[in-house]
Amino acid sequence: MMNLAAVHDVSSRLPRSYSPLTALRYRPNILFTGPRAFTEDDWTRIRVKDLGLYIACRTTRCKLPNVDPLTGTADRNEPGTTMRKYRIVDKESKSACLGIQAVPLDDGVLHVGDEIAVLETDQRD
């Protein structure tokens, strides 16, 4: 899952010579809007309609976001270099994080426009 505000935050910190990034760079399964950037870092349990989700971890980023999915062109440095400057948020990892990985706790179906209710948070750092 990925917060669009977080994608915009990373994009705004890229060197000026770079075009703005879209969420497609990160290939999220679920994209959400609303909360400020990186609020999701502290989520541990959420509900989307009738579906409960446990937030298992933050998503560590490999070099795949450095490849533009529309052109197939790989950039040697960005957005990885920019993210490593301020998104290494887990003490046990040296990788930049962006997004969260969720595990369903119930059976359910998600729909475009469903609201996310944050049920539990935790400071993991």
N, C-alpha and C. Protein backbone atom coordinates (compact mmCIF):
# COMPACT_ATOMS: atom_id res chain seq x y z
N MET A 1 0.85 -1.17 0.00
CA MET A 1 0.00 0.00 0.00
C MET A 1 0.89 1.23 0.00
N MET A 2 0.46 2.25 -0.70
CA MET A 2 1.29 3.45 -0.80
C MET A 2 0.44 4.71 -0.70
N ASN A 3 0.95 5.67 0.04
CA ASN A 3 0.33 6.97 0.23
C ASN A 3 0.80 7.90 -0.89
N LEU A 4 -0.11 8.44 -1.66
CA LEU A 4 0.27 9.32 -2.76
C LEU A 4 1.01 10.56 -2.26
N ALA A 5 0.69 11.04 -1.06
CA ALA A 5 1.40 12.19 -0.50
C ALA A 5 2.88 11.87 -0.29
N ALA A 6 3.20 10.62 0.05
CA ALA A 6 4.60 10.22 0.23
C ALA A 6 5.33 10.23 -1.11
N VAL A 7 4.67 9.77 -2.15
CA VAL A 7 5.28 9.80 -3.49
C VAL A 7 5.57 11.23 -3.90
N HIS A 8 4.62 12.13 -3.65
CA HIS A 8 4.83 13.54 -3.98
C HIS A 8 5.96 14.15 -3.17
N ASP A 9 6.09 13.73 -1.91
CA ASP A 9 7.17 14.24 -1.06
C ASP A 9 8.53 13.84 -1.62
N VAL A 10 8.69 12.57 -1.97
CA VAL A 10 9.95 12.12 -2.56
C VAL A 10 10.22 12.87 -3.85
N SER A 11 9.21 12.99 -4.69
CA SER A 11 9.37 13.67 -5.97
C SER A 11 9.82 15.11 -5.80
N SER A 12 9.29 15.78 -4.78
CA SER A 12 9.64 17.19 -4.54
C SER A 12 11.08 17.37 -4.09
N ARG A 13 11.72 16.32 -3.61
CA ARG A 13 13.10 16.40 -3.12
C ARG A 13 14.14 15.98 -4.16
N LEU A 14 13.69 15.51 -5.31
CA LEU A 14 14.63 15.11 -6.36
C LEU A 14 15.40 16.32 -6.88
N PRO A 15 16.59 16.11 -7.41
CA PRO A 15 17.31 17.23 -8.05
C PRO A 15 16.43 17.87 -9.13
N ARG A 16 16.60 19.14 -9.34
CA ARG A 16 15.75 19.91 -10.26
C ARG A 16 15.73 19.38 -11.68
N SER A 17 16.74 18.69 -12.09
CA SER A 17 16.80 18.19 -13.46
C SER A 17 15.86 17.01 -13.71
N TYR A 18 15.23 16.47 -12.66
CA TYR A 18 14.36 15.31 -12.79
C TYR A 18 12.90 15.71 -12.94
N SER A 19 12.18 14.95 -13.75
CA SER A 19 10.74 15.15 -13.90
C SER A 19 10.04 14.61 -12.66
N PRO A 20 8.86 15.13 -12.35
CA PRO A 20 8.12 14.60 -11.20
C PRO A 20 7.82 13.11 -11.37
N LEU A 21 7.83 12.39 -10.26
CA LEU A 21 7.55 10.95 -10.27
C LEU A 21 6.06 10.70 -10.14
N THR A 22 5.62 9.59 -10.68
CA THR A 22 4.26 9.13 -10.43
C THR A 22 4.35 7.90 -9.54
N ALA A 23 3.22 7.51 -8.98
CA ALA A 23 3.18 6.33 -8.12
C ALA A 23 3.53 5.06 -8.89
N LEU A 24 3.37 5.07 -10.21
CA LEU A 24 3.71 3.89 -11.00
C LEU A 24 5.17 3.46 -10.82
N ARG A 25 6.05 4.40 -10.49
CA ARG A 25 7.45 4.06 -10.25
C ARG A 25 7.61 2.99 -9.18
N TYR A 26 6.69 2.99 -8.22
CA TYR A 26 6.79 2.10 -7.07
C TYR A 26 5.92 0.86 -7.19
N ARG A 27 5.13 0.78 -8.24
CA ARG A 27 4.28 -0.37 -8.54
C ARG A 27 3.41 -0.81 -7.35
N PRO A 28 2.66 0.12 -6.73
CA PRO A 28 1.84 -0.28 -5.59
C PRO A 28 0.62 -1.09 -6.01
N ASN A 29 0.18 -1.98 -5.13
CA ASN A 29 -1.06 -2.71 -5.36
C ASN A 29 -2.26 -1.86 -4.96
N ILE A 30 -2.09 -1.09 -3.89
CA ILE A 30 -3.15 -0.21 -3.40
C ILE A 30 -2.54 1.17 -3.18
N LEU A 31 -3.18 2.16 -3.74
CA LEU A 31 -2.74 3.55 -3.62
C LEU A 31 -3.82 4.30 -2.87
N PHE A 32 -3.43 5.08 -1.85
CA PHE A 32 -4.43 5.84 -1.10
C PHE A 32 -4.02 7.30 -0.98
N THR A 33 -5.01 8.13 -0.74
CA THR A 33 -4.81 9.57 -0.56
C THR A 33 -5.48 10.00 0.74
N GLY A 34 -5.14 11.18 1.21
CA GLY A 34 -5.78 11.74 2.40
C GLY A 34 -4.79 12.12 3.48
N PRO A 35 -4.10 11.14 4.07
CA PRO A 35 -3.20 11.50 5.16
C PRO A 35 -1.93 12.19 4.66
N ARG A 36 -1.28 12.91 5.56
CA ARG A 36 -0.02 13.55 5.20
C ARG A 36 1.02 12.48 4.91
N ALA A 37 2.06 12.87 4.22
CA ALA A 37 3.11 11.93 3.82
C ALA A 37 3.69 11.21 5.03
N PHE A 38 3.84 9.93 4.90
CA PHE A 38 4.52 9.04 5.84
C PHE A 38 3.76 8.77 7.15
N THR A 39 2.52 9.25 7.27
CA THR A 39 1.69 8.92 8.43
C THR A 39 1.58 7.41 8.59
N GLU A 40 1.53 6.72 7.46
CA GLU A 40 1.35 5.27 7.45
C GLU A 40 2.53 4.52 8.05
N ASP A 41 3.66 5.18 8.24
CA ASP A 41 4.82 4.52 8.85
C ASP A 41 4.48 3.96 10.24
N ASP A 42 3.54 4.57 10.93
CA ASP A 42 3.22 4.17 12.30
C ASP A 42 1.97 3.31 12.42
N TRP A 43 1.30 3.04 11.31
CA TRP A 43 0.10 2.22 11.37
C TRP A 43 0.46 0.76 11.66
N THR A 44 -0.34 0.10 12.49
CA THR A 44 -0.16 -1.34 12.73
C THR A 44 -1.42 -2.13 12.38
N ARG A 45 -2.59 -1.50 12.46
CA ARG A 45 -3.83 -2.17 12.10
C ARG A 45 -4.80 -1.15 11.54
N ILE A 46 -5.40 -1.50 10.41
CA ILE A 46 -6.36 -0.62 9.77
C ILE A 46 -7.59 -1.42 9.34
N ARG A 47 -8.64 -0.72 8.97
CA ARG A 47 -9.83 -1.35 8.42
C ARG A 47 -10.24 -0.58 7.19
N VAL A 48 -10.54 -1.32 6.12
CA VAL A 48 -11.06 -0.74 4.90
C VAL A 48 -12.41 -1.41 4.67
N LYS A 49 -13.48 -0.65 4.91
CA LYS A 49 -14.85 -1.20 4.90
C LYS A 49 -14.91 -2.36 5.88
N ASP A 50 -15.17 -3.58 5.41
CA ASP A 50 -15.28 -4.74 6.30
C ASP A 50 -13.99 -5.54 6.41
N LEU A 51 -12.94 -5.08 5.76
CA LEU A 51 -11.69 -5.83 5.71
C LEU A 51 -10.68 -5.26 6.70
N GLY A 52 -10.30 -6.08 7.67
CA GLY A 52 -9.24 -5.71 8.60
C GLY A 52 -7.89 -6.04 8.00
N LEU A 53 -6.92 -5.18 8.21
CA LEU A 53 -5.57 -5.39 7.68
C LEU A 53 -4.54 -5.15 8.78
N TYR A 54 -3.60 -6.06 8.89
CA TYR A 54 -2.45 -5.89 9.79
C TYR A 54 -1.30 -5.36 8.95
N ILE A 55 -0.67 -4.30 9.41
CA ILE A 55 0.48 -3.73 8.71
C ILE A 55 1.73 -4.45 9.21
N ALA A 56 2.24 -5.33 8.36
CA ALA A 56 3.35 -6.20 8.75
C ALA A 56 4.68 -5.46 8.80
N CYS A 57 4.90 -4.55 7.85
CA CYS A 57 6.17 -3.84 7.81
C CYS A 57 6.10 -2.69 6.81
N ARG A 58 7.10 -1.87 6.87
CA ARG A 58 7.30 -0.85 5.85
C ARG A 58 7.95 -1.53 4.65
N THR A 59 7.76 -0.95 3.48
CA THR A 59 8.32 -1.55 2.28
C THR A 59 9.70 -0.98 2.01
N THR A 60 10.72 -1.83 2.10
CA THR A 60 12.06 -1.39 1.73
C THR A 60 12.14 -1.37 0.21
N ARG A 61 12.84 -0.38 -0.30
CA ARG A 61 12.86 -0.17 -1.75
C ARG A 61 14.15 -0.68 -2.37
N CYS A 62 13.99 -1.39 -3.47
CA CYS A 62 15.13 -1.85 -4.26
C CYS A 62 15.37 -0.80 -5.36
N LYS A 63 16.08 -1.16 -6.39
CA LYS A 63 16.37 -0.23 -7.48
C LYS A 63 15.25 -0.16 -8.53
N LEU A 64 14.23 -0.98 -8.40
CA LEU A 64 13.16 -0.98 -9.40
C LEU A 64 12.51 0.40 -9.59
N PRO A 65 12.27 1.21 -8.54
CA PRO A 65 11.71 2.53 -8.79
C PRO A 65 12.63 3.45 -9.61
N ASN A 66 13.88 3.08 -9.77
CA ASN A 66 14.79 3.87 -10.62
C ASN A 66 14.50 3.64 -12.10
N VAL A 67 13.62 2.68 -12.40
CA VAL A 67 13.26 2.38 -13.79
C VAL A 67 11.89 2.99 -14.09
N ASP A 68 11.83 3.83 -15.11
CA ASP A 68 10.57 4.42 -15.54
C ASP A 68 9.73 3.31 -16.17
N PRO A 69 8.54 2.97 -15.60
CA PRO A 69 7.76 1.87 -16.14
C PRO A 69 7.16 2.16 -17.52
N LEU A 70 7.07 3.42 -17.89
CA LEU A 70 6.51 3.76 -19.20
C LEU A 70 7.52 3.66 -20.33
N THR A 71 8.79 3.92 -20.01
CA THR A 71 9.81 3.90 -21.06
C THR A 71 10.80 2.75 -20.91
N GLY A 72 10.90 2.17 -19.72
CA GLY A 72 11.88 1.13 -19.46
C GLY A 72 13.27 1.67 -19.22
N THR A 73 13.40 3.00 -19.19
CA THR A 73 14.70 3.64 -18.98
C THR A 73 15.06 3.62 -17.50
N ALA A 74 16.25 3.12 -17.22
CA ALA A 74 16.74 3.06 -15.84
C ALA A 74 17.63 4.26 -15.55
N ASP A 75 17.45 4.82 -14.38
CA ASP A 75 18.31 5.89 -13.90
C ASP A 75 19.25 5.28 -12.87
N ARG A 76 20.50 5.60 -12.95
CA ARG A 76 21.49 5.01 -12.05
C ARG A 76 21.26 5.40 -10.59
N ASN A 77 20.72 6.60 -10.36
CA ASN A 77 20.66 7.11 -9.00
C ASN A 77 19.28 7.37 -8.41
N GLU A 78 18.38 7.90 -9.19
CA GLU A 78 17.13 8.41 -8.62
C GLU A 78 15.92 7.56 -8.97
N PRO A 79 14.99 7.47 -8.03
CA PRO A 79 14.84 8.20 -6.78
C PRO A 79 15.55 7.58 -5.58
N GLY A 80 16.28 6.49 -5.81
CA GLY A 80 16.94 5.79 -4.70
C GLY A 80 17.87 6.65 -3.87
N THR A 81 18.71 7.44 -4.52
CA THR A 81 19.67 8.27 -3.78
C THR A 81 18.95 9.28 -2.89
N THR A 82 17.94 9.92 -3.42
CA THR A 82 17.18 10.90 -2.64
C THR A 82 16.49 10.22 -1.46
N MET A 83 15.89 9.08 -1.69
CA MET A 83 15.19 8.39 -0.60
C MET A 83 16.14 7.95 0.50
N ARG A 84 17.34 7.52 0.15
CA ARG A 84 18.30 7.10 1.18
C ARG A 84 18.76 8.25 2.05
N LYS A 85 18.57 9.47 1.61
CA LYS A 85 18.97 10.63 2.42
C LYS A 85 18.03 10.86 3.60
N TYR A 86 16.76 10.40 3.49
CA TYR A 86 15.84 10.71 4.60
C TYR A 86 14.78 9.64 4.86
N ARG A 87 14.80 8.53 4.13
CA ARG A 87 13.77 7.52 4.32
C ARG A 87 14.32 6.19 4.83
N ILE A 88 15.49 6.19 5.45
CA ILE A 88 15.95 4.98 6.15
C ILE A 88 15.37 5.10 7.55
N VAL A 89 14.23 4.45 7.75
CA VAL A 89 13.45 4.68 8.96
C VAL A 89 13.43 3.49 9.91
N ASP A 90 13.90 2.35 9.48
CA ASP A 90 13.98 1.18 10.35
C ASP A 90 15.43 0.97 10.77
N LYS A 91 15.66 0.89 12.07
CA LYS A 91 17.01 0.75 12.59
C LYS A 91 17.73 -0.49 12.04
N GLU A 92 16.97 -1.58 11.84
CA GLU A 92 17.59 -2.82 11.40
C GLU A 92 17.84 -2.90 9.90
N SER A 93 17.46 -1.85 9.16
CA SER A 93 17.62 -1.87 7.71
C SER A 93 18.46 -0.69 7.25
N LYS A 94 19.21 -0.89 6.20
CA LYS A 94 19.96 0.22 5.60
C LYS A 94 19.32 0.64 4.29
N SER A 95 18.11 0.14 4.06
CA SER A 95 17.39 0.46 2.84
C SER A 95 16.35 1.54 3.10
N ALA A 96 16.11 2.36 2.09
CA ALA A 96 15.07 3.37 2.19
C ALA A 96 13.71 2.68 2.15
N CYS A 97 12.75 3.24 2.85
CA CYS A 97 11.40 2.69 2.90
C CYS A 97 10.40 3.67 2.31
N LEU A 98 9.44 3.11 1.60
CA LEU A 98 8.32 3.90 1.09
C LEU A 98 7.18 2.94 0.84
N GLY A 99 6.08 3.11 1.56
CA GLY A 99 4.93 2.23 1.47
C GLY A 99 4.91 1.25 2.63
N ILE A 100 3.82 0.51 2.70
CA ILE A 100 3.63 -0.47 3.78
C ILE A 100 3.11 -1.77 3.18
N GLN A 101 3.39 -2.86 3.88
CA GLN A 101 2.90 -4.17 3.45
C GLN A 101 1.83 -4.63 4.43
N ALA A 102 0.66 -4.97 3.89
CA ALA A 102 -0.49 -5.30 4.72
C ALA A 102 -0.90 -6.76 4.52
N VAL A 103 -1.36 -7.38 5.60
CA VAL A 103 -1.84 -8.75 5.59
C VAL A 103 -3.33 -8.72 5.97
N PRO A 104 -4.20 -9.30 5.15
CA PRO A 104 -5.63 -9.30 5.49
C PRO A 104 -5.91 -10.15 6.73
N LEU A 105 -6.79 -9.63 7.59
CA LEU A 105 -7.21 -10.35 8.78
C LEU A 105 -8.58 -10.99 8.60
N ASP A 106 -9.28 -10.61 7.55
CA ASP A 106 -10.62 -11.11 7.26
C ASP A 106 -10.73 -11.34 5.76
N ASP A 107 -11.85 -11.92 5.37
CA ASP A 107 -12.20 -11.97 3.96
C ASP A 107 -12.90 -10.66 3.63
N GLY A 108 -12.64 -10.13 2.48
CA GLY A 108 -13.30 -8.90 2.09
C GLY A 108 -12.85 -8.45 0.72
N VAL A 109 -13.51 -7.44 0.23
CA VAL A 109 -13.21 -6.90 -1.08
C VAL A 109 -12.99 -5.40 -0.94
N LEU A 110 -11.94 -4.91 -1.58
CA LEU A 110 -11.67 -3.47 -1.59
C LEU A 110 -12.25 -2.86 -2.85
N HIS A 111 -12.71 -1.63 -2.75
CA HIS A 111 -13.23 -0.90 -3.89
C HIS A 111 -12.58 0.48 -3.95
N VAL A 112 -12.45 0.99 -5.15
CA VAL A 112 -11.96 2.36 -5.32
C VAL A 112 -12.85 3.29 -4.52
N GLY A 113 -12.25 4.16 -3.74
CA GLY A 113 -12.99 5.12 -2.94
C GLY A 113 -13.27 4.70 -1.52
N ASP A 114 -13.00 3.43 -1.16
CA ASP A 114 -13.20 2.98 0.22
C ASP A 114 -12.32 3.79 1.16
N GLU A 115 -12.85 4.10 2.32
CA GLU A 115 -12.09 4.86 3.32
C GLU A 115 -11.30 3.92 4.21
N ILE A 116 -10.14 4.40 4.64
CA ILE A 116 -9.28 3.66 5.56
C ILE A 116 -9.49 4.20 6.96
N ALA A 117 -9.78 3.31 7.90
CA ALA A 117 -9.86 3.68 9.31
C ALA A 117 -8.63 3.11 10.01
N VAL A 118 -7.87 3.97 10.65
CA VAL A 118 -6.68 3.54 11.38
C VAL A 118 -7.13 3.10 12.77
N LEU A 119 -6.89 1.83 13.08
CA LEU A 119 -7.33 1.26 14.36
C LEU A 119 -6.23 1.24 15.41
N GLU A 120 -4.97 1.05 14.97
CA GLU A 120 -3.84 1.01 15.91
C GLU A 120 -2.61 1.61 15.26
N THR A 121 -1.83 2.28 16.08
CA THR A 121 -0.54 2.81 15.63
C THR A 121 0.52 2.42 16.64
N ASP A 122 1.76 2.50 16.19
CA ASP A 122 2.88 2.16 17.05
C ASP A 122 4.13 2.83 16.51
N GLN A 123 4.93 3.39 17.36
CA GLN A 123 6.24 3.91 16.97
C GLN A 123 7.19 2.74 16.94
N ARG A 124 7.61 2.30 15.75
CA ARG A 124 8.46 1.09 15.61
C ARG A 124 9.94 1.38 15.70
N ASP A 125 10.33 2.62 15.64
CA ASP A 125 11.76 2.94 15.58
C ASP A 125 12.43 2.78 16.93
